C-alpha atoms as a PDB file:
ATOM      1  CA  UNK A   1     -22.036  -9.322  27.987  1.00  0.00           C
ATOM      2  CA  UNK A   2     -21.513  -9.645  31.846  1.00  0.00           C
ATOM      3  CA  UNK A   3     -19.448  -7.637  33.880  1.00  0.00           C
ATOM      4  CA  UNK A   4     -17.061  -9.195  36.528  1.00  0.00           C
ATOM      5  CA  UNK A   5     -15.237  -7.916  39.655  1.00  0.00           C
ATOM      6  CA  UNK A   6     -12.490  -9.492  41.447  1.00  0.00           C
ATOM      7  CA  UNK A   7     -12.558  -8.849  45.117  1.00  0.00           C
ATOM      8  CA  UNK A   8      -9.337 -10.075  46.718  1.00  0.00           C
ATOM      9  CA  UNK A   9      -6.979 -10.138  49.759  1.00  0.00           C
ATOM     10  CA  UNK A  10      -3.486 -10.370  49.445  1.00  0.00           C
ATOM     11  CA  UNK A  11      -0.292  -9.937  51.333  1.00  0.00           C
ATOM     12  CA  UNK A  12       3.254  -9.339  50.562  1.00  0.00           C
ATOM     13  CA  UNK A  13       6.405 -10.353  52.918  1.00  0.00           C
ATOM     14  CA  UNK A  14       7.253 -13.477  54.260  1.00  0.00           C
ATOM     15  CA  UNK A  15       5.271 -16.309  52.906  1.00  0.00           C
ATOM     16  CA  UNK A  16       5.020 -19.914  53.847  1.00  0.00           C
ATOM     17  CA  UNK A  17       6.629 -22.014  51.268  1.00  0.00           C
ATOM     18  CA  UNK A  18       7.922 -19.064  49.273  1.00  0.00           C
ATOM     19  CA  UNK A  19       9.936 -16.973  51.346  1.00  0.00           C
ATOM     20  CA  UNK A  20       9.858 -13.192  50.846  1.00  0.00           C
ATOM     21  CA  UNK A  21       7.806 -11.726  48.327  1.00  0.00           C
ATOM     22  CA  UNK A  22       7.011  -8.386  46.877  1.00  0.00           C
ATOM     23  CA  UNK A  23       3.859  -9.058  45.625  1.00  0.00           C
ATOM     24  CA  UNK A  24       1.419 -11.247  47.317  1.00  0.00           C
ATOM     25  CA  UNK A  25       0.446 -14.735  45.740  1.00  0.00           C
ATOM     26  CA  UNK A  26      -3.206 -14.009  45.766  1.00  0.00           C
ATOM     27  CA  UNK A  27      -2.486 -10.759  44.116  1.00  0.00           C
ATOM     28  CA  UNK A  28      -0.509 -12.529  41.129  1.00  0.00           C
ATOM     29  CA  UNK A  29      -3.533 -14.741  40.390  1.00  0.00           C
ATOM     30  CA  UNK A  30      -6.128 -11.757  40.677  1.00  0.00           C
ATOM     31  CA  UNK A  31      -4.213  -9.967  38.021  1.00  0.00           C
ATOM     32  CA  UNK A  32      -4.415 -13.141  35.718  1.00  0.00           C
ATOM     33  CA  UNK A  33      -8.373 -13.360  36.375  1.00  0.00           C
ATOM     34  CA  UNK A  34      -8.679  -9.792  35.723  1.00  0.00           C
ATOM     35  CA  UNK A  35      -6.845 -10.043  32.353  1.00  0.00           C
ATOM     36  CA  UNK A  36      -8.183 -13.141  31.511  1.00  0.00           C
ATOM     37  CA  UNK A  37     -11.991 -12.599  32.497  1.00  0.00           C
ATOM     38  CA  UNK A  38     -11.793  -8.759  31.536  1.00  0.00           C
ATOM     39  CA  UNK A  39     -12.771  -7.807  35.280  1.00  0.00           C
ATOM     40  CA  UNK A  40     -12.153  -5.007  37.651  1.00  0.00           C
ATOM     41  CA  UNK A  41     -10.076  -5.467  40.755  1.00  0.00           C
ATOM     42  CA  UNK A  42     -10.958  -4.241  44.280  1.00  0.00           C
ATOM     43  CA  UNK A  43      -8.297  -4.800  46.697  1.00  0.00           C
ATOM     44  CA  UNK A  44      -8.954  -5.456  50.389  1.00  0.00           C
ATOM     45  CA  UNK A  45      -6.752  -3.823  52.734  1.00  0.00           C
ATOM     46  CA  UNK A  46      -6.480  -4.176  56.365  1.00  0.00           C
ATOM     47  CA  UNK A  47      -7.000  -0.810  58.576  1.00  0.00           C
ATOM     48  CA  UNK A  48      -3.520  -2.100  60.332  1.00  0.00           C
ATOM     49  CA  UNK A  49      -1.429  -3.845  58.005  1.00  0.00           C
ATOM     50  CA  UNK A  50      -0.115  -7.297  58.862  1.00  0.00           C
ATOM     51  CA  UNK A  51       3.708  -8.010  59.837  1.00  0.00           C
ATOM     52  CA  UNK A  52       6.262  -9.078  57.106  1.00  0.00           C
ATOM     53  CA  UNK A  53       6.862 -12.045  59.194  1.00  0.00           C
ATOM     54  CA  UNK A  54       5.056 -14.947  58.492  1.00  0.00           C
ATOM     55  CA  UNK A  55       4.767 -16.431  62.147  1.00  0.00           C
ATOM     56  CA  UNK A  56       3.855 -12.833  63.502  1.00  0.00           C
ATOM     57  CA  UNK A  57       1.136 -12.226  60.498  1.00  0.00           C
ATOM     58  CA  UNK A  58      -0.475 -15.735  61.392  1.00  0.00           C
ATOM     59  CA  UNK A  59      -0.951 -14.776  65.065  1.00  0.00           C
ATOM     60  CA  UNK A  60      -2.452 -11.399  63.865  1.00  0.00           C
ATOM     61  CA  UNK A  61      -4.720 -12.958  61.506  1.00  0.00           C
ATOM     62  CA  UNK A  62      -6.042 -15.394  64.225  1.00  0.00           C
ATOM     63  CA  UNK A  63      -6.606 -12.479  66.640  1.00  0.00           C
ATOM     64  CA  UNK A  64      -8.567 -10.516  63.746  1.00  0.00           C
ATOM     65  CA  UNK A  65     -11.128 -13.328  63.249  1.00  0.00           C
ATOM     66  CA  UNK A  66     -14.584 -11.710  63.784  1.00  0.00           C
ATOM     67  CA  UNK A  67     -13.193  -8.189  64.154  1.00  0.00           C
ATOM     68  CA  UNK A  68     -10.785  -7.067  61.080  1.00  0.00           C
ATOM     69  CA  UNK A  69     -11.447  -3.753  60.099  1.00  0.00           C
ATOM     70  CA  UNK A  70     -10.581  -2.761  56.731  1.00  0.00           C
ATOM     71  CA  UNK A  71      -9.328   0.763  54.722  1.00  0.00           C
ATOM     72  CA  UNK A  72     -12.398   1.054  52.312  1.00  0.00           C
ATOM     73  CA  UNK A  73     -15.491  -0.909  51.567  1.00  0.00           C
ATOM     74  CA  UNK A  74     -17.358  -1.456  48.157  1.00  0.00           C
ATOM     75  CA  UNK A  75     -20.679   0.617  48.265  1.00  0.00           C
ATOM     76  CA  UNK A  76     -22.537  -2.007  46.239  1.00  0.00           C
ATOM     77  CA  UNK A  77     -22.142  -4.772  43.603  1.00  0.00           C
ATOM     78  CA  UNK A  78     -24.958  -3.184  41.111  1.00  0.00           C
ATOM     79  CA  UNK A  79     -22.418  -2.959  38.123  1.00  0.00           C
ATOM     80  CA  UNK A  80     -21.370  -6.707  37.971  1.00  0.00           C
ATOM     81  CA  UNK A  81     -22.794 -10.051  37.382  1.00  0.00           C
ATOM     82  CA  UNK A  82     -19.827 -12.277  38.236  1.00  0.00           C
ATOM     83  CA  UNK A  83     -17.767 -11.634  41.338  1.00  0.00           C
ATOM     84  CA  UNK A  84     -14.489 -13.618  41.979  1.00  0.00           C
ATOM     85  CA  UNK A  85     -13.707 -14.071  45.679  1.00  0.00           C
ATOM     86  CA  UNK A  86     -10.060 -14.477  46.197  1.00  0.00           C
ATOM     87  CA  UNK A  87      -7.853 -14.984  49.213  1.00  0.00           C
ATOM     88  CA  UNK A  88      -4.799 -17.134  50.802  1.00  0.00           C
ATOM     89  CA  UNK A  89      -6.163 -19.566  53.329  1.00  0.00           C
ATOM     90  CA  UNK A  90      -5.721 -18.341  56.872  1.00  0.00           C
ATOM     91  CA  UNK A  91      -6.705 -20.381  59.937  1.00  0.00           C
ATOM     92  CA  UNK A  92      -9.145 -22.818  57.459  1.00  0.00           C
ATOM     93  CA  UNK A  93     -10.535 -20.223  55.371  1.00  0.00           C
ATOM     94  CA  UNK A  94     -10.125 -16.370  53.812  1.00  0.00           C
ATOM     95  CA  UNK A  95      -8.454 -13.801  55.599  1.00  0.00           C
ATOM     96  CA  UNK A  96     -10.379 -12.172  58.142  1.00  0.00           C
ATOM     97  CA  UNK A  97     -10.678  -8.982  56.315  1.00  0.00           C
ATOM     98  CA  UNK A  98     -12.737 -10.802  53.549  1.00  0.00           C
ATOM     99  CA  UNK A  99     -15.587 -11.181  55.946  1.00  0.00           C
ATOM    100  CA  UNK A 100     -15.666  -7.733  56.772  1.00  0.00           C
ATOM    101  CA  UNK A 101     -15.757  -6.654  52.825  1.00  0.00           C
ATOM    102  CA  UNK A 102     -18.205  -9.037  52.157  1.00  0.00           C
ATOM    103  CA  UNK A 103     -20.872  -9.086  55.028  1.00  0.00           C
ATOM    104  CA  UNK A 104     -22.886  -6.102  54.076  1.00  0.00           C
ATOM    105  CA  UNK A 105     -22.864  -6.588  50.243  1.00  0.00           C
ATOM    106  CA  UNK A 106     -26.271  -7.532  48.397  1.00  0.00           C
ATOM    107  CA  UNK A 107     -25.191 -10.760  46.456  1.00  0.00           C
ATOM    108  CA  UNK A 108     -28.736 -11.570  45.022  1.00  0.00           C
ATOM    109  CA  UNK A 109     -28.455 -12.528  41.457  1.00  0.00           C
ATOM    110  CA  UNK A 110     -24.866 -12.727  41.395  1.00  0.00           C
ATOM    111  CA  UNK A 111     -22.569 -15.342  40.306  1.00  0.00           C
ATOM    112  CA  UNK A 112     -19.705 -15.969  42.592  1.00  0.00           C
ATOM    113  CA  UNK A 113     -16.438 -18.093  41.842  1.00  0.00           C
ATOM    114  CA  UNK A 114     -13.881 -18.502  44.472  1.00  0.00           C
ATOM    115  CA  UNK A 115     -10.183 -18.632  44.135  1.00  0.00           C
ATOM    116  CA  UNK A 116      -7.602 -19.296  46.916  1.00  0.00           C
ATOM    117  CA  UNK A 117      -3.778 -19.732  47.406  1.00  0.00           C
ATOM    118  CA  UNK A 118      -2.334 -22.108  49.687  1.00  0.00           C
ATOM    119  CA  UNK A 119       0.479 -24.302  50.803  1.00  0.00           C
ATOM    120  CA  UNK A 120      -1.637 -27.507  51.158  1.00  0.00           C
ATOM    121  CA  UNK A 121      -4.944 -26.974  52.567  1.00  0.00           C
ATOM    122  CA  UNK A 122      -6.867 -26.639  49.094  1.00  0.00           C
ATOM    123  CA  UNK A 123     -10.112 -24.472  49.399  1.00  0.00           C
ATOM    124  CA  UNK A 124     -10.406 -25.448  53.168  1.00  0.00           C
ATOM    125  CA  UNK A 125     -13.668 -24.200  54.464  1.00  0.00           C
ATOM    126  CA  UNK A 126     -13.734 -20.928  52.362  1.00  0.00           C
ATOM    127  CA  UNK A 127     -16.721 -22.049  49.948  1.00  0.00           C
ATOM    128  CA  UNK A 128     -18.950 -22.726  53.043  1.00  0.00           C
ATOM    129  CA  UNK A 129     -17.825 -19.325  54.487  1.00  0.00           C
ATOM    130  CA  UNK A 130     -18.340 -17.691  51.154  1.00  0.00           C
ATOM    131  CA  UNK A 131     -21.949 -19.375  50.861  1.00  0.00           C
ATOM    132  CA  UNK A 132     -22.736 -17.987  54.441  1.00  0.00           C
ATOM    133  CA  UNK A 133     -21.924 -14.459  53.574  1.00  0.00           C
ATOM    134  CA  UNK A 134     -23.095 -14.271  50.035  1.00  0.00           C
ATOM    135  CA  UNK A 135     -26.769 -14.917  50.524  1.00  0.00           C
ATOM    136  CA  UNK A 136     -28.761 -14.922  47.267  1.00  0.00           C
ATOM    137  CA  UNK A 137     -25.597 -15.465  45.078  1.00  0.00           C
ATOM    138  CA  UNK A 138     -25.034 -18.408  42.927  1.00  0.00           C
ATOM    139  CA  UNK A 139     -21.762 -19.681  44.292  1.00  0.00           C
ATOM    140  CA  UNK A 140     -20.083 -22.170  42.146  1.00  0.00           C
ATOM    141  CA  UNK A 141     -18.899 -25.344  43.107  1.00  0.00           C
ATOM    142  CA  UNK A 142     -15.752 -25.604  41.179  1.00  0.00           C
ATOM    143  CA  UNK A 143     -13.484 -23.543  42.991  1.00  0.00           C
ATOM    144  CA  UNK A 144      -9.842 -22.939  42.134  1.00  0.00           C
ATOM    145  CA  UNK A 145      -6.978 -23.526  44.621  1.00  0.00           C
ATOM    146  CA  UNK A 146      -3.696 -22.556  43.748  1.00  0.00           C
ATOM    147  CA  UNK A 147      -0.064 -23.090  45.637  1.00  0.00           C
ATOM    148  CA  UNK A 148       1.238 -19.958  46.433  1.00  0.00           C
ATOM    149  CA  UNK A 149       4.497 -21.248  45.204  1.00  0.00           C
ATOM    150  CA  UNK A 150       3.007 -21.890  41.844  1.00  0.00           C
ATOM    151  CA  UNK A 151       1.242 -18.574  41.550  1.00  0.00           C
ATOM    152  CA  UNK A 152       3.603 -16.802  39.165  1.00  0.00           C
ATOM    153  CA  UNK A 153       3.079 -19.974  36.890  1.00  0.00           C
ATOM    154  CA  UNK A 154      -0.821 -20.301  37.225  1.00  0.00           C
ATOM    155  CA  UNK A 155      -1.778 -18.219  34.387  1.00  0.00           C
ATOM    156  CA  UNK A 156      -2.610 -21.409  32.150  1.00  0.00           C
ATOM    157  CA  UNK A 157      -4.370 -23.179  34.880  1.00  0.00           C
ATOM    158  CA  UNK A 158      -6.554 -19.891  35.605  1.00  0.00           C
ATOM    159  CA  UNK A 159      -7.330 -19.674  31.947  1.00  0.00           C
ATOM    160  CA  UNK A 160      -8.438 -23.404  31.836  1.00  0.00           C
ATOM    161  CA  UNK A 161     -10.645 -22.609  34.928  1.00  0.00           C
ATOM    162  CA  UNK A 162     -12.210 -19.659  33.428  1.00  0.00           C
END
């Protein structure tokens, strides 16, 4: 039996199309994946938290593209066969901190599955960016895009996708 890991970024606070939330939309969906796929979770956390205000947050995210330090990094993926990469869509792809989290990991021989939350952009450029960073991985073509406003009601959709 293969072992799975969910690597995800999520942010609470004011979210587009949702309002103020105590738990990020991607975290809600990541917990469904964890439960349904019996996966471990690794939350990517920015070294400097984002603002709770949506408009400030998106400006901060744009400024962090290419330089987004994180609190903790994974040492390796040795114990895992399947890796779920999950993020909200920021500026056309995953949150900048995801690149920091993924760029030095060895994905050779791993199966990678992509999940995002969004409010209209779908997967955007996330699949291409995941393929660029996860060299040697079998990146699955059928990523899952869930509207953030529907995250709390997405468990069945996640189950069908898995």
